[in-house]
mmCIF file of all heavy atoms, coordinates in Angstrom:
data_MODEL
# 
_entry.id   MODEL 
# 
loop_
_atom_site.group_PDB 
_atom_site.id 
_atom_site.type_symbol 
_atom_site.label_atom_id 
_atom_site.label_alt_id 
_atom_site.label_comp_id 
_atom_site.label_asym_id 
_atom_site.label_entity_id 
_atom_site.label_seq_id 
_atom_site.pdbx_PDB_ins_code 
_atom_site.Cartn_x 
_atom_site.Cartn_y 
_atom_site.Cartn_z 
_atom_site.occupancy 
_atom_site.B_iso_or_equiv 
_atom_site.pdbx_formal_charge 
_atom_site.auth_seq_id 
_atom_site.auth_comp_id 
_atom_site.auth_asym_id 
_atom_site.auth_atom_id 
_atom_site.pdbx_PDB_model_num 
ATOM 1   N N   . ASP A 1 1  ? -20.223 -15.163 71.917 1.00 0.00 ? 1  ASP A N   1 
ATOM 2   C CA  . ASP A 1 1  ? -19.851 -14.006 71.254 1.00 0.00 ? 1  ASP A CA  1 
ATOM 3   C C   . ASP A 1 1  ? -18.425 -14.285 70.567 1.00 0.00 ? 1  ASP A C   1 
ATOM 4   O O   . ASP A 1 1  ? -17.512 -13.409 70.607 1.00 0.00 ? 1  ASP A O   1 
ATOM 5   C CB  . ASP A 1 1  ? -19.725 -12.729 72.048 1.00 0.00 ? 1  ASP A CB  1 
ATOM 6   C CG  . ASP A 1 1  ? -21.069 -12.207 72.333 1.00 0.00 ? 1  ASP A CG  1 
ATOM 7   O OD1 . ASP A 1 1  ? -21.952 -12.279 71.440 1.00 0.00 ? 1  ASP A OD1 1 
ATOM 8   O OD2 . ASP A 1 1  ? -21.336 -11.679 73.450 1.00 0.00 ? 1  ASP A OD2 1 
ATOM 9   N N   . SER A 1 2  ? -18.175 -15.424 70.131 1.00 0.00 ? 2  SER A N   1 
ATOM 10  C CA  . SER A 1 2  ? -16.848 -15.901 69.545 1.00 0.00 ? 2  SER A CA  1 
ATOM 11  C C   . SER A 1 2  ? -16.428 -14.968 68.480 1.00 0.00 ? 2  SER A C   1 
ATOM 12  O O   . SER A 1 2  ? -15.172 -14.583 68.365 1.00 0.00 ? 2  SER A O   1 
ATOM 13  C CB  . SER A 1 2  ? -16.895 -17.362 69.081 1.00 0.00 ? 2  SER A CB  1 
ATOM 14  O OG  . SER A 1 2  ? -17.200 -18.181 70.148 1.00 0.00 ? 2  SER A OG  1 
ATOM 15  N N   . GLY A 1 3  ? -17.323 -14.613 67.536 1.00 0.00 ? 3  GLY A N   1 
ATOM 16  C CA  . GLY A 1 3  ? -16.915 -13.764 66.386 1.00 0.00 ? 3  GLY A CA  1 
ATOM 17  C C   . GLY A 1 3  ? -16.431 -12.421 66.890 1.00 0.00 ? 3  GLY A C   1 
ATOM 18  O O   . GLY A 1 3  ? -15.439 -11.927 66.406 1.00 0.00 ? 3  GLY A O   1 
ATOM 19  N N   . MET A 1 4  ? -17.086 -11.816 67.824 1.00 0.00 ? 4  MET A N   1 
ATOM 20  C CA  . MET A 1 4  ? -16.696 -10.484 68.367 1.00 0.00 ? 4  MET A CA  1 
ATOM 21  C C   . MET A 1 4  ? -15.442 -10.651 69.063 1.00 0.00 ? 4  MET A C   1 
ATOM 22  O O   . MET A 1 4  ? -14.470 -9.841  68.924 1.00 0.00 ? 4  MET A O   1 
ATOM 23  C CB  . MET A 1 4  ? -17.805 -9.927  69.237 1.00 0.00 ? 4  MET A CB  1 
ATOM 24  C CG  . MET A 1 4  ? -17.500 -8.503  69.686 1.00 0.00 ? 4  MET A CG  1 
ATOM 25  S SD  . MET A 1 4  ? -18.694 -7.905  70.795 1.00 0.00 ? 4  MET A SD  1 
ATOM 26  C CE  . MET A 1 4  ? -18.321 -8.912  72.306 1.00 0.00 ? 4  MET A CE  1 
ATOM 27  N N   . ARG A 1 5  ? -15.210 -11.723 69.898 1.00 0.00 ? 5  ARG A N   1 
ATOM 28  C CA  . ARG A 1 5  ? -13.994 -11.846 70.699 1.00 0.00 ? 5  ARG A CA  1 
ATOM 29  C C   . ARG A 1 5  ? -12.856 -12.149 69.869 1.00 0.00 ? 5  ARG A C   1 
ATOM 30  O O   . ARG A 1 5  ? -11.686 -11.646 70.073 1.00 0.00 ? 5  ARG A O   1 
ATOM 31  C CB  . ARG A 1 5  ? -14.218 -12.965 71.684 1.00 0.00 ? 5  ARG A CB  1 
ATOM 32  C CG  . ARG A 1 5  ? -15.369 -12.838 72.665 1.00 0.00 ? 5  ARG A CG  1 
ATOM 33  C CD  . ARG A 1 5  ? -15.254 -11.534 73.500 1.00 0.00 ? 5  ARG A CD  1 
ATOM 34  N NE  . ARG A 1 5  ? -16.469 -11.323 74.290 1.00 0.00 ? 5  ARG A NE  1 
ATOM 35  C CZ  . ARG A 1 5  ? -16.734 -10.246 74.981 1.00 0.00 ? 5  ARG A CZ  1 
ATOM 36  N NH1 . ARG A 1 5  ? -15.908 -9.243  74.935 1.00 0.00 ? 5  ARG A NH1 1 
ATOM 37  N NH2 . ARG A 1 5  ? -17.803 -10.146 75.649 1.00 0.00 ? 5  ARG A NH2 1 
ATOM 38  N N   . GLU A 1 6  ? -12.986 -12.909 68.781 1.00 0.00 ? 6  GLU A N   1 
ATOM 39  C CA  . GLU A 1 6  ? -11.851 -13.140 67.864 1.00 0.00 ? 6  GLU A CA  1 
ATOM 40  C C   . GLU A 1 6  ? -11.419 -11.967 67.152 1.00 0.00 ? 6  GLU A C   1 
ATOM 41  O O   . GLU A 1 6  ? -10.210 -11.758 66.938 1.00 0.00 ? 6  GLU A O   1 
ATOM 42  C CB  . GLU A 1 6  ? -12.326 -14.273 66.821 1.00 0.00 ? 6  GLU A CB  1 
ATOM 43  C CG  . GLU A 1 6  ? -12.493 -15.622 67.411 1.00 0.00 ? 6  GLU A CG  1 
ATOM 44  C CD  . GLU A 1 6  ? -13.076 -16.618 66.434 1.00 0.00 ? 6  GLU A CD  1 
ATOM 45  O OE1 . GLU A 1 6  ? -13.548 -16.256 65.347 1.00 0.00 ? 6  GLU A OE1 1 
ATOM 46  O OE2 . GLU A 1 6  ? -13.175 -17.814 66.784 1.00 0.00 ? 6  GLU A OE2 1 
ATOM 47  N N   . ASN A 1 7  ? -12.367 -11.111 66.777 1.00 0.00 ? 7  ASN A N   1 
ATOM 48  C CA  . ASN A 1 7  ? -11.961 -9.793  66.148 1.00 0.00 ? 7  ASN A CA  1 
ATOM 49  C C   . ASN A 1 7  ? -11.220 -8.996  67.132 1.00 0.00 ? 7  ASN A C   1 
ATOM 50  O O   . ASN A 1 7  ? -10.239 -8.322  66.799 1.00 0.00 ? 7  ASN A O   1 
ATOM 51  C CB  . ASN A 1 7  ? -13.245 -9.158  65.639 1.00 0.00 ? 7  ASN A CB  1 
ATOM 52  C CG  . ASN A 1 7  ? -12.921 -8.066  64.620 1.00 0.00 ? 7  ASN A CG  1 
ATOM 53  O OD1 . ASN A 1 7  ? -12.356 -7.080  64.920 1.00 0.00 ? 7  ASN A OD1 1 
ATOM 54  N ND2 . ASN A 1 7  ? -13.374 -8.300  63.388 1.00 0.00 ? 7  ASN A ND2 1 
ATOM 55  N N   . GLU A 1 8  ? -11.731 -8.853  68.390 1.00 0.00 ? 8  GLU A N   1 
ATOM 56  C CA  . GLU A 1 8  ? -11.119 -8.065  69.418 1.00 0.00 ? 8  GLU A CA  1 
ATOM 57  C C   . GLU A 1 8  ? -9.706  -8.533  69.765 1.00 0.00 ? 8  GLU A C   1 
ATOM 58  O O   . GLU A 1 8  ? -8.794  -7.728  69.959 1.00 0.00 ? 8  GLU A O   1 
ATOM 59  C CB  . GLU A 1 8  ? -11.985 -8.090  70.643 1.00 0.00 ? 8  GLU A CB  1 
ATOM 60  C CG  . GLU A 1 8  ? -11.476 -7.208  71.766 1.00 0.00 ? 8  GLU A CG  1 
ATOM 61  C CD  . GLU A 1 8  ? -12.549 -7.216  72.887 1.00 0.00 ? 8  GLU A CD  1 
ATOM 62  O OE1 . GLU A 1 8  ? -12.875 -8.311  73.368 1.00 0.00 ? 8  GLU A OE1 1 
ATOM 63  O OE2 . GLU A 1 8  ? -13.008 -6.136  73.264 1.00 0.00 ? 8  GLU A OE2 1 
ATOM 64  N N   . ASP A 1 9  ? -9.452  -9.832  69.650 1.00 0.00 ? 9  ASP A N   1 
ATOM 65  C CA  . ASP A 1 9  ? -8.168  -10.406 69.970 1.00 0.00 ? 9  ASP A CA  1 
ATOM 66  C C   . ASP A 1 9  ? -7.247  -10.485 68.804 1.00 0.00 ? 9  ASP A C   1 
ATOM 67  O O   . ASP A 1 9  ? -6.113  -10.955 68.920 1.00 0.00 ? 9  ASP A O   1 
ATOM 68  C CB  . ASP A 1 9  ? -8.326  -11.827 70.566 1.00 0.00 ? 9  ASP A CB  1 
ATOM 69  C CG  . ASP A 1 9  ? -9.087  -11.825 71.890 1.00 0.00 ? 9  ASP A CG  1 
ATOM 70  O OD1 . ASP A 1 9  ? -9.038  -10.753 72.573 1.00 0.00 ? 9  ASP A OD1 1 
ATOM 71  O OD2 . ASP A 1 9  ? -9.615  -12.866 72.343 1.00 0.00 ? 9  ASP A OD2 1 
ATOM 72  N N   . GLY A 1 10 ? -7.763  -10.111 67.672 1.00 0.00 ? 10 GLY A N   1 
ATOM 73  C CA  . GLY A 1 10 ? -6.878  -10.070 66.502 1.00 0.00 ? 10 GLY A CA  1 
ATOM 74  C C   . GLY A 1 10 ? -6.643  -11.445 65.857 1.00 0.00 ? 10 GLY A C   1 
ATOM 75  O O   . GLY A 1 10 ? -5.595  -11.672 65.236 1.00 0.00 ? 10 GLY A O   1 
ATOM 76  N N   . ILE A 1 11 ? -7.563  -12.413 66.132 1.00 0.00 ? 11 ILE A N   1 
ATOM 77  C CA  . ILE A 1 11 ? -7.370  -13.739 65.564 1.00 0.00 ? 11 ILE A CA  1 
ATOM 78  C C   . ILE A 1 11 ? -7.365  -13.720 64.060 1.00 0.00 ? 11 ILE A C   1 
ATOM 79  O O   . ILE A 1 11 ? -8.363  -13.163 63.415 1.00 0.00 ? 11 ILE A O   1 
ATOM 80  C CB  . ILE A 1 11 ? -8.499  -14.664 66.100 1.00 0.00 ? 11 ILE A CB  1 
ATOM 81  C CG1 . ILE A 1 11 ? -8.525  -14.701 67.570 1.00 0.00 ? 11 ILE A CG1 1 
ATOM 82  C CG2 . ILE A 1 11 ? -8.331  -16.062 65.490 1.00 0.00 ? 11 ILE A CG2 1 
ATOM 83  C CD1 . ILE A 1 11 ? -7.244  -15.193 68.252 1.00 0.00 ? 11 ILE A CD1 1 
ATOM 84  N N   . GLY A 1 12 ? -6.381  -14.219 63.415 1.00 0.00 ? 12 GLY A N   1 
ATOM 85  C CA  . GLY A 1 12 ? -6.295  -14.026 61.932 1.00 0.00 ? 12 GLY A CA  1 
ATOM 86  C C   . GLY A 1 12 ? -7.205  -14.892 61.177 1.00 0.00 ? 12 GLY A C   1 
ATOM 87  O O   . GLY A 1 12 ? -7.630  -14.485 60.125 1.00 0.00 ? 12 GLY A O   1 
ATOM 88  N N   . ASN A 1 13 ? -7.471  -16.089 61.623 1.00 0.00 ? 13 ASN A N   1 
ATOM 89  C CA  . ASN A 1 13 ? -8.317  -16.963 60.889 1.00 0.00 ? 13 ASN A CA  1 
ATOM 90  C C   . ASN A 1 13 ? -9.698  -17.098 61.587 1.00 0.00 ? 13 ASN A C   1 
ATOM 91  O O   . ASN A 1 13 ? -9.840  -17.532 62.705 1.00 0.00 ? 13 ASN A O   1 
ATOM 92  C CB  . ASN A 1 13 ? -7.666  -18.408 60.822 1.00 0.00 ? 13 ASN A CB  1 
ATOM 93  C CG  . ASN A 1 13 ? -6.264  -18.354 60.176 1.00 0.00 ? 13 ASN A CG  1 
ATOM 94  O OD1 . ASN A 1 13 ? -5.972  -17.453 59.449 1.00 0.00 ? 13 ASN A OD1 1 
ATOM 95  N ND2 . ASN A 1 13 ? -5.508  -19.353 60.591 1.00 0.00 ? 13 ASN A ND2 1 
ATOM 96  N N   . ARG A 1 14 ? -10.700 -16.582 60.922 1.00 0.00 ? 14 ARG A N   1 
ATOM 97  C CA  . ARG A 1 14 ? -12.030 -16.586 61.445 1.00 0.00 ? 14 ARG A CA  1 
ATOM 98  C C   . ARG A 1 14 ? -13.139 -16.524 60.344 1.00 0.00 ? 14 ARG A C   1 
ATOM 99  O O   . ARG A 1 14 ? -12.825 -16.318 59.166 1.00 0.00 ? 14 ARG A O   1 
ATOM 100 C CB  . ARG A 1 14 ? -12.216 -15.428 62.415 1.00 0.00 ? 14 ARG A CB  1 
ATOM 101 C CG  . ARG A 1 14 ? -11.920 -14.007 61.794 1.00 0.00 ? 14 ARG A CG  1 
ATOM 102 C CD  . ARG A 1 14 ? -12.047 -12.978 62.868 1.00 0.00 ? 14 ARG A CD  1 
ATOM 103 N NE  . ARG A 1 14 ? -11.993 -11.634 62.332 1.00 0.00 ? 14 ARG A NE  1 
ATOM 104 C CZ  . ARG A 1 14 ? -10.846 -10.929 62.237 1.00 0.00 ? 14 ARG A CZ  1 
ATOM 105 N NH1 . ARG A 1 14 ? -9.709  -11.411 62.723 1.00 0.00 ? 14 ARG A NH1 1 
ATOM 106 N NH2 . ARG A 1 14 ? -10.859 -9.716  61.835 1.00 0.00 ? 14 ARG A NH2 1 
ATOM 107 N N   . GLN A 1 15 ? -14.344 -16.723 60.783 1.00 0.00 ? 15 GLN A N   1 
ATOM 108 C CA  . GLN A 1 15 ? -15.497 -16.656 59.829 1.00 0.00 ? 15 GLN A CA  1 
ATOM 109 C C   . GLN A 1 15 ? -16.701 -16.049 60.492 1.00 0.00 ? 15 GLN A C   1 
ATOM 110 O O   . GLN A 1 15 ? -16.779 -15.940 61.696 1.00 0.00 ? 15 GLN A O   1 
ATOM 111 C CB  . GLN A 1 15 ? -15.806 -18.043 59.286 1.00 0.00 ? 15 GLN A CB  1 
ATOM 112 C CG  . GLN A 1 15 ? -16.406 -18.979 60.350 1.00 0.00 ? 15 GLN A CG  1 
ATOM 113 C CD  . GLN A 1 15 ? -16.750 -20.360 59.814 1.00 0.00 ? 15 GLN A CD  1 
ATOM 114 O OE1 . GLN A 1 15 ? -16.291 -20.767 58.808 1.00 0.00 ? 15 GLN A OE1 1 
ATOM 115 N NE2 . GLN A 1 15 ? -17.641 -21.028 60.489 1.00 0.00 ? 15 GLN A NE2 1 
ATOM 116 N N   . LYS A 1 16 ? -17.613 -15.443 59.606 1.00 0.00 ? 16 LYS A N   1 
ATOM 117 C CA  . LYS A 1 16 ? -18.854 -14.977 60.147 1.00 0.00 ? 16 LYS A CA  1 
ATOM 118 C C   . LYS A 1 16 ? -19.907 -15.168 59.151 1.00 0.00 ? 16 LYS A C   1 
ATOM 119 O O   . LYS A 1 16 ? -19.706 -15.265 57.982 1.00 0.00 ? 16 LYS A O   1 
ATOM 120 C CB  . LYS A 1 16 ? -18.688 -13.474 60.500 1.00 0.00 ? 16 LYS A CB  1 
ATOM 121 C CG  . LYS A 1 16 ? -18.201 -12.593 59.340 1.00 0.00 ? 16 LYS A CG  1 
ATOM 122 C CD  . LYS A 1 16 ? -17.884 -11.176 59.882 1.00 0.00 ? 16 LYS A CD  1 
ATOM 123 C CE  . LYS A 1 16 ? -17.196 -10.289 58.812 1.00 0.00 ? 16 LYS A CE  1 
ATOM 124 N NZ  . LYS A 1 16 ? -16.645 -9.067  59.363 1.00 0.00 ? 16 LYS A NZ  1 
ATOM 125 N N   . PHE A 1 17 ? -21.149 -15.304 59.728 1.00 0.00 ? 17 PHE A N   1 
ATOM 126 C CA  . PHE A 1 17 ? -22.360 -15.401 58.871 1.00 0.00 ? 17 PHE A CA  1 
ATOM 127 C C   . PHE A 1 17 ? -23.179 -14.150 58.885 1.00 0.00 ? 17 PHE A C   1 
ATOM 128 O O   . PHE A 1 17 ? -23.278 -13.480 59.891 1.00 0.00 ? 17 PHE A O   1 
ATOM 129 C CB  . PHE A 1 17 ? -23.159 -16.626 59.372 1.00 0.00 ? 17 PHE A CB  1 
ATOM 130 C CG  . PHE A 1 17 ? -22.611 -17.982 59.095 1.00 0.00 ? 17 PHE A CG  1 
ATOM 131 C CD1 . PHE A 1 17 ? -21.745 -18.529 60.070 1.00 0.00 ? 17 PHE A CD1 1 
ATOM 132 C CD2 . PHE A 1 17 ? -22.795 -18.636 57.963 1.00 0.00 ? 17 PHE A CD2 1 
ATOM 133 C CE1 . PHE A 1 17 ? -21.113 -19.776 59.916 1.00 0.00 ? 17 PHE A CE1 1 
ATOM 134 C CE2 . PHE A 1 17 ? -22.265 -19.881 57.777 1.00 0.00 ? 17 PHE A CE2 1 
ATOM 135 C CZ  . PHE A 1 17 ? -21.417 -20.474 58.770 1.00 0.00 ? 17 PHE A CZ  1 
ATOM 136 N N   . ARG A 1 18 ? -23.819 -13.884 57.786 1.00 0.00 ? 18 ARG A N   1 
ATOM 137 C CA  . ARG A 1 18 ? -24.702 -12.703 57.696 1.00 0.00 ? 18 ARG A CA  1 
ATOM 138 C C   . ARG A 1 18 ? -25.756 -12.893 56.657 1.00 0.00 ? 18 ARG A C   1 
ATOM 139 O O   . ARG A 1 18 ? -25.555 -13.687 55.700 1.00 0.00 ? 18 ARG A O   1 
ATOM 140 C CB  . ARG A 1 18 ? -23.893 -11.424 57.460 1.00 0.00 ? 18 ARG A CB  1 
ATOM 141 C CG  . ARG A 1 18 ? -23.236 -11.443 56.058 1.00 0.00 ? 18 ARG A CG  1 
ATOM 142 C CD  . ARG A 1 18 ? -22.255 -10.286 55.919 1.00 0.00 ? 18 ARG A CD  1 
ATOM 143 N NE  . ARG A 1 18 ? -21.627 -10.299 54.566 1.00 0.00 ? 18 ARG A NE  1 
ATOM 144 C CZ  . ARG A 1 18 ? -20.430 -9.696  54.281 1.00 0.00 ? 18 ARG A CZ  1 
ATOM 145 N NH1 . ARG A 1 18 ? -19.796 -9.040  55.297 1.00 0.00 ? 18 ARG A NH1 1 
ATOM 146 N NH2 . ARG A 1 18 ? -19.958 -9.740  53.074 1.00 0.00 ? 18 ARG A NH2 1 
ATOM 147 N N   . ILE A 1 19 ? -26.871 -12.199 56.791 1.00 0.00 ? 19 ILE A N   1 
ATOM 148 C CA  . ILE A 1 19 ? -27.961 -12.109 55.810 1.00 0.00 ? 19 ILE A CA  1 
ATOM 149 C C   . ILE A 1 19 ? -27.860 -10.689 55.223 1.00 0.00 ? 19 ILE A C   1 
ATOM 150 O O   . ILE A 1 19 ? -27.812 -9.760  56.112 1.00 0.00 ? 19 ILE A O   1 
ATOM 151 C CB  . ILE A 1 19 ? -29.250 -12.496 56.375 1.00 0.00 ? 19 ILE A CB  1 
ATOM 152 C CG1 . ILE A 1 19 ? -29.369 -13.996 56.757 1.00 0.00 ? 19 ILE A CG1 1 
ATOM 153 C CG2 . ILE A 1 19 ? -30.376 -12.236 55.357 1.00 0.00 ? 19 ILE A CG2 1 
ATOM 154 C CD1 . ILE A 1 19 ? -30.616 -14.362 57.419 1.00 0.00 ? 19 ILE A CD1 1 
ATOM 155 N N   . ARG A 1 20 ? -27.984 -10.542 53.979 1.00 0.00 ? 20 ARG A N   1 
ATOM 156 C CA  . ARG A 1 20 ? -27.864 -9.271  53.334 1.00 0.00 ? 20 ARG A CA  1 
ATOM 157 C C   . ARG A 1 20 ? -28.944 -8.905  52.411 1.00 0.00 ? 20 ARG A C   1 
ATOM 158 O O   . ARG A 1 20 ? -29.414 -9.801  51.622 1.00 0.00 ? 20 ARG A O   1 
ATOM 159 C CB  . ARG A 1 20 ? -26.467 -9.176  52.627 1.00 0.00 ? 20 ARG A CB  1 
ATOM 160 C CG  . ARG A 1 20 ? -26.163 -7.907  51.959 1.00 0.00 ? 20 ARG A CG  1 
ATOM 161 C CD  . ARG A 1 20 ? -24.685 -7.776  51.587 1.00 0.00 ? 20 ARG A CD  1 
ATOM 162 N NE  . ARG A 1 20 ? -23.831 -7.435  52.814 1.00 0.00 ? 20 ARG A NE  1 
ATOM 163 C CZ  . ARG A 1 20 ? -22.561 -7.191  52.687 1.00 0.00 ? 20 ARG A CZ  1 
ATOM 164 N NH1 . ARG A 1 20 ? -21.894 -7.243  51.613 1.00 0.00 ? 20 ARG A NH1 1 
ATOM 165 N NH2 . ARG A 1 20 ? -21.926 -6.808  53.898 1.00 0.00 ? 20 ARG A NH2 1 
ATOM 166 N N   . ILE A 1 21 ? -29.414 -7.659  52.446 1.00 0.00 ? 21 ILE A N   1 
ATOM 167 C CA  . ILE A 1 21 ? -30.336 -7.150  51.391 1.00 0.00 ? 21 ILE A CA  1 
ATOM 168 C C   . ILE A 1 21 ? -29.800 -5.792  50.929 1.00 0.00 ? 21 ILE A C   1 
ATOM 169 O O   . ILE A 1 21 ? -28.978 -5.183  51.545 1.00 0.00 ? 21 ILE A O   1 
ATOM 170 C CB  . ILE A 1 21 ? -31.825 -6.931  52.064 1.00 0.00 ? 21 ILE A CB  1 
ATOM 171 C CG1 . ILE A 1 21 ? -31.754 -6.004  53.238 1.00 0.00 ? 21 ILE A CG1 1 
ATOM 172 C CG2 . ILE A 1 21 ? -32.381 -8.316  52.477 1.00 0.00 ? 21 ILE A CG2 1 
ATOM 173 C CD1 . ILE A 1 21 ? -33.117 -5.645  53.792 1.00 0.00 ? 21 ILE A CD1 1 
ATOM 174 N N   . TYR A 1 22 ? -30.413 -5.429  49.769 1.00 0.00 ? 22 TYR A N   1 
ATOM 175 C CA  . TYR A 1 22 ? -29.912 -4.191  49.116 1.00 0.00 ? 22 TYR A CA  1 
ATOM 176 C C   . TYR A 1 22 ? -31.062 -3.268  48.857 1.00 0.00 ? 22 TYR A C   1 
ATOM 177 O O   . TYR A 1 22 ? -32.189 -3.672  48.487 1.00 0.00 ? 22 TYR A O   1 
ATOM 178 C CB  . TYR A 1 22 ? -29.241 -4.487  47.819 1.00 0.00 ? 22 TYR A CB  1 
ATOM 179 C CG  . TYR A 1 22 ? -28.066 -5.494  47.972 1.00 0.00 ? 22 TYR A CG  1 
ATOM 180 C CD1 . TYR A 1 22 ? -28.268 -6.844  47.925 1.00 0.00 ? 22 TYR A CD1 1 
ATOM 181 C CD2 . TYR A 1 22 ? -26.822 -5.021  48.203 1.00 0.00 ? 22 TYR A CD2 1 
ATOM 182 C CE1 . TYR A 1 22 ? -27.169 -7.760  48.101 1.00 0.00 ? 22 TYR A CE1 1 
ATOM 183 C CE2 . TYR A 1 22 ? -25.675 -5.870  48.354 1.00 0.00 ? 22 TYR A CE2 1 
ATOM 184 C CZ  . TYR A 1 22 ? -25.891 -7.208  48.284 1.00 0.00 ? 22 TYR A CZ  1 
ATOM 185 O OH  . TYR A 1 22 ? -24.864 -8.068  48.468 1.00 0.00 ? 22 TYR A OH  1 
ATOM 186 N N   . ASN A 1 23 ? -30.778 -2.012  49.118 1.00 0.00 ? 23 ASN A N   1 
ATOM 187 C CA  . ASN A 1 23 ? -31.826 -0.919  48.909 1.00 0.00 ? 23 ASN A CA  1 
ATOM 188 C C   . ASN A 1 23 ? -33.107 -1.181  49.547 1.00 0.00 ? 23 ASN A C   1 
ATOM 189 O O   . ASN A 1 23 ? -34.224 -0.895  49.025 1.00 0.00 ? 23 ASN A O   1 
ATOM 190 C CB  . ASN A 1 23 ? -32.016 -0.725  47.391 1.00 0.00 ? 23 ASN A CB  1 
ATOM 191 C CG  . ASN A 1 23 ? -30.755 -0.196  46.682 1.00 0.00 ? 23 ASN A CG  1 
ATOM 192 O OD1 . ASN A 1 23 ? -30.078 0.619   47.263 1.00 0.00 ? 23 ASN A OD1 1 
ATOM 193 N ND2 . ASN A 1 23 ? -30.550 -0.704  45.467 1.00 0.00 ? 23 ASN A ND2 1 
ATOM 194 N N   . HIS A 1 24 ? -33.129 -1.884  50.728 1.00 0.00 ? 24 HIS A N   1 
ATOM 195 C CA  . HIS A 1 24 ? -34.277 -2.141  51.523 1.00 0.00 ? 24 HIS A CA  1 
ATOM 196 C C   . HIS A 1 24 ? -35.300 -3.012  50.771 1.00 0.00 ? 24 HIS A C   1 
ATOM 197 O O   . HIS A 1 24 ? -36.495 -3.039  51.059 1.00 0.00 ? 24 HIS A O   1 
ATOM 198 C CB  . HIS A 1 24 ? -34.949 -0.860  51.977 1.00 0.00 ? 24 HIS A CB  1 
ATOM 199 C CG  . HIS A 1 24 ? -34.129 0.100   52.712 1.00 0.00 ? 24 HIS A CG  1 
ATOM 200 N ND1 . HIS A 1 24 ? -34.005 1.415   52.552 1.00 0.00 ? 24 HIS A ND1 1 
ATOM 201 C CD2 . HIS A 1 24 ? -33.095 -0.233  53.706 1.00 0.00 ? 24 HIS A CD2 1 
ATOM 202 C CE1 . HIS A 1 24 ? -33.153 1.899   53.236 1.00 0.00 ? 24 HIS A CE1 1 
ATOM 203 N NE2 . HIS A 1 24 ? -32.529 0.982   54.013 1.00 0.00 ? 24 HIS A NE2 1 
ATOM 204 N N   . ASP A 1 25 ? -34.789 -3.781  49.774 1.00 0.00 ? 25 ASP A N   1 
ATOM 205 C CA  . ASP A 1 25 ? -35.663 -4.598  48.942 1.00 0.00 ? 25 ASP A CA  1 
ATOM 206 C C   . ASP A 1 25 ? -35.514 -6.070  49.387 1.00 0.00 ? 25 ASP A C   1 
ATOM 207 O O   . ASP A 1 25 ? -34.471 -6.705  49.278 1.00 0.00 ? 25 ASP A O   1 
ATOM 208 C CB  . ASP A 1 25 ? -35.202 -4.434  47.448 1.00 0.00 ? 25 ASP A CB  1 
ATOM 209 C CG  . ASP A 1 25 ? -36.034 -5.250  46.485 1.00 0.00 ? 25 ASP A CG  1 
ATOM 210 O OD1 . ASP A 1 25 ? -37.050 -5.941  47.000 1.00 0.00 ? 25 ASP A OD1 1 
ATOM 211 O OD2 . ASP A 1 25 ? -35.720 -5.273  45.300 1.00 0.00 ? 25 ASP A OD2 1 
ATOM 212 N N   . ASP A 1 26 ? -36.598 -6.707  49.862 1.00 0.00 ? 26 ASP A N   1 
ATOM 213 C CA  . ASP A 1 26 ? -36.564 -8.017  50.387 1.00 0.00 ? 26 ASP A CA  1 
ATOM 214 C C   . ASP A 1 26 ? -36.938 -9.094  49.366 1.00 0.00 ? 26 ASP A C   1 
ATOM 215 O O   . ASP A 1 26 ? -37.096 -10.238 49.656 1.00 0.00 ? 26 ASP A O   1 
ATOM 216 C CB  . ASP A 1 26 ? -37.465 -8.207  51.559 1.00 0.00 ? 26 ASP A CB  1 
ATOM 217 C CG  . ASP A 1 26 ? -38.894 -7.911  51.348 1.00 0.00 ? 26 ASP A CG  1 
ATOM 218 O OD1 . ASP A 1 26 ? -39.257 -7.769  50.119 1.00 0.00 ? 26 ASP A OD1 1 
ATOM 219 O OD2 . ASP A 1 26 ? -39.698 -7.912  52.236 1.00 0.00 ? 26 ASP A OD2 1 
# 
């Protein structure tokens, strides 16, 4: 859970990955 912990600890330099869709259109 590095992404969550870095956010919780206020780590300034971080990255995250996500997949995104719009208007429920795949």
